N, C-alpha and C. Protein backbone atom coordinates (compact mmCIF):
# COMPACT_ATOMS: atom_id res chain seq x y z
N VAL A 1 66.22 54.79 24.75
CA VAL A 1 66.52 53.68 23.85
C VAL A 1 67.90 53.89 23.23
N GLN A 2 68.67 52.81 23.21
CA GLN A 2 69.96 52.84 22.53
C GLN A 2 70.08 51.62 21.63
N LEU A 3 70.55 51.86 20.41
CA LEU A 3 70.85 50.79 19.47
C LEU A 3 72.32 50.92 19.09
N GLN A 4 73.08 49.88 19.33
CA GLN A 4 74.53 49.91 19.09
C GLN A 4 74.88 48.89 18.02
N ALA A 5 75.24 49.39 16.84
CA ALA A 5 75.61 48.52 15.73
C ALA A 5 77.10 48.25 15.73
N SER A 6 77.47 47.05 15.33
CA SER A 6 78.88 46.66 15.26
C SER A 6 79.06 45.60 14.20
N GLY A 7 80.33 45.32 13.87
CA GLY A 7 80.64 44.22 12.97
C GLY A 7 81.04 44.62 11.57
N GLY A 8 80.98 45.90 11.26
CA GLY A 8 81.38 46.32 9.93
C GLY A 8 82.88 46.19 9.72
N GLY A 9 83.30 46.40 8.48
CA GLY A 9 84.72 46.32 8.18
C GLY A 9 84.97 46.30 6.70
N LEU A 10 86.20 45.98 6.35
CA LEU A 10 86.63 45.89 4.95
C LEU A 10 86.75 44.41 4.57
N VAL A 11 86.11 44.05 3.46
CA VAL A 11 86.13 42.66 3.02
C VAL A 11 86.21 42.63 1.50
N GLN A 12 86.79 41.59 0.97
CA GLN A 12 86.85 41.43 -0.48
C GLN A 12 85.52 40.93 -1.02
N ALA A 13 85.27 41.23 -2.27
CA ALA A 13 84.07 40.73 -2.92
C ALA A 13 84.00 39.21 -2.79
N GLY A 14 82.80 38.73 -2.49
CA GLY A 14 82.60 37.31 -2.26
C GLY A 14 82.74 36.89 -0.81
N GLY A 15 83.21 37.80 0.02
CA GLY A 15 83.40 37.51 1.43
C GLY A 15 82.13 37.68 2.24
N SER A 16 82.29 37.55 3.55
CA SER A 16 81.16 37.60 4.47
C SER A 16 81.46 38.51 5.66
N LEU A 17 80.41 39.07 6.20
CA LEU A 17 80.46 39.82 7.45
C LEU A 17 79.19 39.55 8.22
N ARG A 18 79.28 39.68 9.54
CA ARG A 18 78.10 39.57 10.38
C ARG A 18 77.97 40.83 11.21
N LEU A 19 76.89 41.54 11.00
CA LEU A 19 76.61 42.73 11.78
C LEU A 19 75.75 42.37 12.99
N ALA A 20 75.92 43.13 14.06
CA ALA A 20 75.10 42.95 15.24
C ALA A 20 74.55 44.29 15.69
N CYS A 21 73.39 44.28 16.28
CA CYS A 21 72.76 45.49 16.82
C CYS A 21 72.25 45.16 18.21
N ALA A 22 72.89 45.73 19.22
CA ALA A 22 72.49 45.50 20.60
C ALA A 22 71.53 46.60 21.04
N ALA A 23 70.41 46.20 21.60
CA ALA A 23 69.38 47.15 21.99
C ALA A 23 69.27 47.24 23.51
N SER A 24 68.98 48.44 23.98
CA SER A 24 68.72 48.64 25.40
C SER A 24 67.66 49.72 25.55
N GLY A 25 66.98 49.70 26.70
CA GLY A 25 65.98 50.73 26.97
C GLY A 25 64.67 50.56 26.24
N MET A 26 64.44 49.36 25.71
CA MET A 26 63.21 49.10 24.97
C MET A 26 62.77 47.67 25.22
N ASN A 27 61.47 47.39 24.94
CA ASN A 27 60.98 46.03 25.01
C ASN A 27 61.32 45.36 23.68
N PHE A 28 62.53 44.85 23.58
CA PHE A 28 63.07 44.38 22.31
C PHE A 28 62.21 43.29 21.70
N LYS A 29 61.72 42.37 22.54
CA LYS A 29 61.07 41.18 21.98
C LYS A 29 59.76 41.49 21.25
N ILE A 30 59.18 42.66 21.49
CA ILE A 30 57.92 43.00 20.81
C ILE A 30 58.14 43.96 19.64
N THR A 31 59.39 44.32 19.40
CA THR A 31 59.69 45.38 18.44
C THR A 31 60.15 44.81 17.11
N THR A 32 59.49 45.22 16.03
CA THR A 32 59.99 44.92 14.69
C THR A 32 61.28 45.71 14.47
N MET A 33 62.29 45.01 13.98
CA MET A 33 63.60 45.62 13.80
C MET A 33 64.00 45.59 12.33
N ASN A 34 64.79 46.57 11.96
CA ASN A 34 65.20 46.73 10.57
C ASN A 34 66.69 47.01 10.45
N TRP A 35 67.24 46.61 9.33
CA TRP A 35 68.56 47.07 8.90
C TRP A 35 68.36 47.96 7.66
N TYR A 36 68.97 49.13 7.70
CA TYR A 36 69.02 50.03 6.56
C TYR A 36 70.49 50.20 6.16
N ARG A 37 70.68 50.74 4.97
CA ARG A 37 72.03 51.11 4.56
C ARG A 37 71.98 52.39 3.72
N GLN A 38 73.08 53.10 3.74
CA GLN A 38 73.20 54.31 2.94
C GLN A 38 74.58 54.36 2.31
N ALA A 39 74.58 54.32 0.99
CA ALA A 39 75.83 54.42 0.24
C ALA A 39 76.10 55.89 -0.07
N PRO A 40 77.37 56.24 -0.32
CA PRO A 40 77.70 57.64 -0.61
C PRO A 40 76.89 58.18 -1.79
N GLY A 41 76.27 59.32 -1.58
CA GLY A 41 75.50 59.95 -2.64
C GLY A 41 74.15 59.34 -2.91
N LYS A 42 73.75 58.37 -2.10
CA LYS A 42 72.46 57.70 -2.31
C LYS A 42 71.58 57.85 -1.09
N GLU A 43 70.29 57.62 -1.29
CA GLU A 43 69.35 57.68 -0.18
C GLU A 43 69.47 56.42 0.67
N ARG A 44 69.07 56.56 1.93
CA ARG A 44 69.04 55.42 2.81
C ARG A 44 67.98 54.43 2.31
N GLU A 45 68.31 53.14 2.30
CA GLU A 45 67.38 52.13 1.82
C GLU A 45 67.21 51.02 2.86
N LEU A 46 66.01 50.46 2.86
CA LEU A 46 65.70 49.35 3.75
C LEU A 46 66.31 48.07 3.18
N VAL A 47 67.07 47.37 4.00
CA VAL A 47 67.74 46.14 3.58
C VAL A 47 66.96 44.91 4.02
N ALA A 48 66.57 44.88 5.30
CA ALA A 48 65.91 43.69 5.83
C ALA A 48 65.11 44.06 7.07
N THR A 49 64.05 43.29 7.30
CA THR A 49 63.15 43.49 8.44
C THR A 49 62.89 42.16 9.11
N ILE A 50 62.79 42.19 10.44
CA ILE A 50 62.38 41.00 11.18
C ILE A 50 61.34 41.43 12.21
N THR A 51 60.20 40.74 12.21
CA THR A 51 59.13 41.08 13.14
C THR A 51 59.36 40.42 14.49
N SER A 52 58.47 40.73 15.43
CA SER A 52 58.62 40.18 16.78
C SER A 52 58.48 38.65 16.78
N ASP A 53 57.71 38.11 15.82
CA ASP A 53 57.55 36.66 15.78
C ASP A 53 58.46 35.99 14.76
N GLY A 54 59.46 36.75 14.27
CA GLY A 54 60.49 36.15 13.45
C GLY A 54 60.26 36.16 11.96
N ASN A 55 59.18 36.77 11.49
CA ASN A 55 58.98 36.88 10.05
C ASN A 55 59.98 37.86 9.46
N THR A 56 60.48 37.55 8.30
CA THR A 56 61.54 38.35 7.68
C THR A 56 61.15 38.83 6.29
N ASN A 57 61.78 39.92 5.88
CA ASN A 57 61.59 40.45 4.54
C ASN A 57 62.90 41.11 4.12
N TYR A 58 63.18 41.01 2.81
CA TYR A 58 64.46 41.49 2.31
C TYR A 58 64.29 42.35 1.06
N ALA A 59 65.20 43.28 0.88
CA ALA A 59 65.27 43.98 -0.39
C ALA A 59 65.69 42.98 -1.47
N ASP A 60 65.19 43.20 -2.68
CA ASP A 60 65.50 42.27 -3.77
C ASP A 60 67.01 42.16 -3.99
N SER A 61 67.72 43.24 -3.76
CA SER A 61 69.16 43.26 -4.03
C SER A 61 69.97 42.36 -3.09
N VAL A 62 69.40 41.95 -1.98
CA VAL A 62 70.15 41.14 -1.01
C VAL A 62 69.53 39.76 -0.78
N LYS A 63 68.39 39.50 -1.39
CA LYS A 63 67.73 38.19 -1.20
C LYS A 63 68.65 37.06 -1.60
N GLY A 64 68.71 36.05 -0.75
CA GLY A 64 69.55 34.89 -1.01
C GLY A 64 70.99 35.06 -0.56
N ARG A 65 71.37 36.28 -0.18
CA ARG A 65 72.75 36.53 0.27
C ARG A 65 72.80 36.97 1.74
N PHE A 66 71.80 37.73 2.16
CA PHE A 66 71.77 38.25 3.53
C PHE A 66 70.71 37.51 4.33
N THR A 67 70.98 37.35 5.64
CA THR A 67 70.01 36.75 6.55
C THR A 67 69.91 37.58 7.81
N ILE A 68 68.70 38.02 8.10
CA ILE A 68 68.44 38.78 9.33
C ILE A 68 67.94 37.81 10.40
N SER A 69 68.36 38.03 11.63
CA SER A 69 67.92 37.17 12.73
C SER A 69 67.93 37.99 14.02
N ARG A 70 67.36 37.41 15.05
CA ARG A 70 67.33 38.09 16.34
C ARG A 70 67.44 37.09 17.47
N ASP A 71 68.01 37.56 18.57
CA ASP A 71 68.12 36.79 19.80
C ASP A 71 67.47 37.65 20.89
N ASN A 72 66.22 37.34 21.19
CA ASN A 72 65.50 38.19 22.14
C ASN A 72 66.11 38.14 23.54
N ALA A 73 66.67 36.99 23.91
CA ALA A 73 67.28 36.87 25.23
C ALA A 73 68.48 37.81 25.36
N ARG A 74 69.20 37.99 24.27
CA ARG A 74 70.36 38.88 24.25
C ARG A 74 70.01 40.29 23.79
N ARG A 75 68.75 40.51 23.41
CA ARG A 75 68.33 41.81 22.91
C ARG A 75 69.21 42.27 21.75
N THR A 76 69.48 41.36 20.86
CA THR A 76 70.40 41.64 19.78
C THR A 76 69.82 41.15 18.45
N MET A 77 70.02 41.96 17.43
CA MET A 77 69.63 41.60 16.07
C MET A 77 70.91 41.42 15.26
N TYR A 78 70.85 40.56 14.26
CA TYR A 78 72.03 40.27 13.44
C TYR A 78 71.70 40.41 11.96
N LEU A 79 72.74 40.64 11.19
CA LEU A 79 72.63 40.57 9.73
C LEU A 79 73.84 39.81 9.22
N GLN A 80 73.61 38.59 8.78
CA GLN A 80 74.66 37.78 8.18
C GLN A 80 74.70 38.12 6.70
N MET A 81 75.83 38.60 6.23
CA MET A 81 75.98 39.03 4.85
C MET A 81 77.01 38.15 4.15
N ASN A 82 76.56 37.40 3.18
CA ASN A 82 77.42 36.49 2.41
C ASN A 82 77.48 36.96 0.96
N SER A 83 78.46 36.44 0.26
CA SER A 83 78.64 36.77 -1.17
C SER A 83 78.58 38.28 -1.39
N LEU A 84 79.32 38.99 -0.59
CA LEU A 84 79.26 40.45 -0.65
C LEU A 84 79.79 40.96 -1.98
N LYS A 85 79.18 42.07 -2.43
CA LYS A 85 79.52 42.71 -3.68
C LYS A 85 79.97 44.15 -3.41
N PRO A 86 80.75 44.73 -4.29
CA PRO A 86 81.15 46.14 -4.09
C PRO A 86 79.95 47.07 -3.90
N GLU A 87 78.84 46.77 -4.55
CA GLU A 87 77.65 47.62 -4.41
C GLU A 87 76.98 47.50 -3.05
N ASP A 88 77.44 46.58 -2.21
CA ASP A 88 76.94 46.50 -0.83
C ASP A 88 77.67 47.50 0.08
N THR A 89 78.69 48.16 -0.43
CA THR A 89 79.42 49.14 0.36
C THR A 89 78.49 50.26 0.80
N ALA A 90 78.44 50.48 2.10
CA ALA A 90 77.53 51.48 2.67
C ALA A 90 77.74 51.54 4.18
N VAL A 91 77.13 52.53 4.78
CA VAL A 91 76.99 52.54 6.24
C VAL A 91 75.68 51.84 6.56
N TYR A 92 75.74 50.85 7.42
CA TYR A 92 74.57 50.05 7.79
C TYR A 92 74.05 50.51 9.16
N TYR A 93 72.75 50.73 9.21
CA TYR A 93 72.10 51.23 10.42
C TYR A 93 71.04 50.24 10.90
N CYS A 94 70.96 50.06 12.20
CA CYS A 94 69.83 49.32 12.75
C CYS A 94 68.77 50.29 13.21
N ASN A 95 67.55 49.82 13.19
CA ASN A 95 66.39 50.69 13.42
C ASN A 95 65.25 49.89 14.02
N GLY A 96 64.51 50.55 14.88
CA GLY A 96 63.32 49.92 15.44
C GLY A 96 62.39 50.98 15.99
N TRP A 97 61.08 50.77 15.76
CA TRP A 97 60.07 51.72 16.26
C TRP A 97 59.61 51.26 17.64
N TYR A 98 59.95 52.10 18.65
CA TYR A 98 59.50 51.85 20.02
C TYR A 98 59.15 53.20 20.59
N TYR A 99 57.89 53.55 20.54
CA TYR A 99 57.37 54.87 20.91
C TYR A 99 57.85 55.97 19.98
N ARG A 100 58.96 55.75 19.35
CA ARG A 100 59.46 56.67 18.34
C ARG A 100 60.41 55.91 17.43
N ASP A 101 60.88 56.57 16.39
CA ASP A 101 61.81 55.95 15.45
C ASP A 101 63.21 56.00 16.06
N ASN A 102 63.79 54.83 16.31
CA ASN A 102 65.08 54.74 16.96
C ASN A 102 66.14 54.23 15.99
N TRP A 103 67.31 54.87 15.98
CA TRP A 103 68.39 54.53 15.06
C TRP A 103 69.69 54.30 15.81
N GLY A 104 70.45 53.32 15.35
CA GLY A 104 71.81 53.14 15.83
C GLY A 104 72.75 54.10 15.12
N GLN A 105 74.02 54.06 15.49
CA GLN A 105 74.98 55.04 14.99
C GLN A 105 75.55 54.65 13.63
N GLY A 106 75.33 53.45 13.18
CA GLY A 106 75.83 53.02 11.88
C GLY A 106 77.17 52.34 11.99
N THR A 107 77.39 51.38 11.09
CA THR A 107 78.67 50.70 11.01
C THR A 107 79.05 50.59 9.52
N GLN A 108 80.28 50.92 9.21
CA GLN A 108 80.73 50.99 7.82
C GLN A 108 81.07 49.60 7.29
N VAL A 109 80.52 49.29 6.14
CA VAL A 109 80.86 48.06 5.42
C VAL A 109 81.46 48.48 4.08
N THR A 110 82.67 48.02 3.82
CA THR A 110 83.34 48.32 2.56
C THR A 110 83.73 47.02 1.89
N VAL A 111 83.27 46.85 0.66
CA VAL A 111 83.56 45.64 -0.11
C VAL A 111 84.44 46.03 -1.29
N SER A 112 85.64 45.47 -1.31
CA SER A 112 86.57 45.79 -2.39
C SER A 112 86.42 44.78 -3.53
N SER A 113 86.66 45.25 -4.73
CA SER A 113 86.52 44.38 -5.91
C SER A 113 87.83 43.67 -6.22
């Protein structure tokens, strides 16, 4: 299994970014997928989840600003991040349980004030 995250970068507060996570080596369409993030000096936290049938759940800190989605035909998950805040600065990881806990390499998101 490989999960390849992309789309991070440097953005000003109030801006937007779209992260993508391309999956291979797994039955993507049946797998619940997650986005996590880890800020410097903090524990990794769950940001958003999308189930195989498209149900979503979000951390309170991102509700109304972030949208998780998936394209099963492309085996890709997305995280649309709007109204970004400096406290969203972190390394963002994609994750999915398929026989084991699978993690992407992370993509850095930096929001300047």
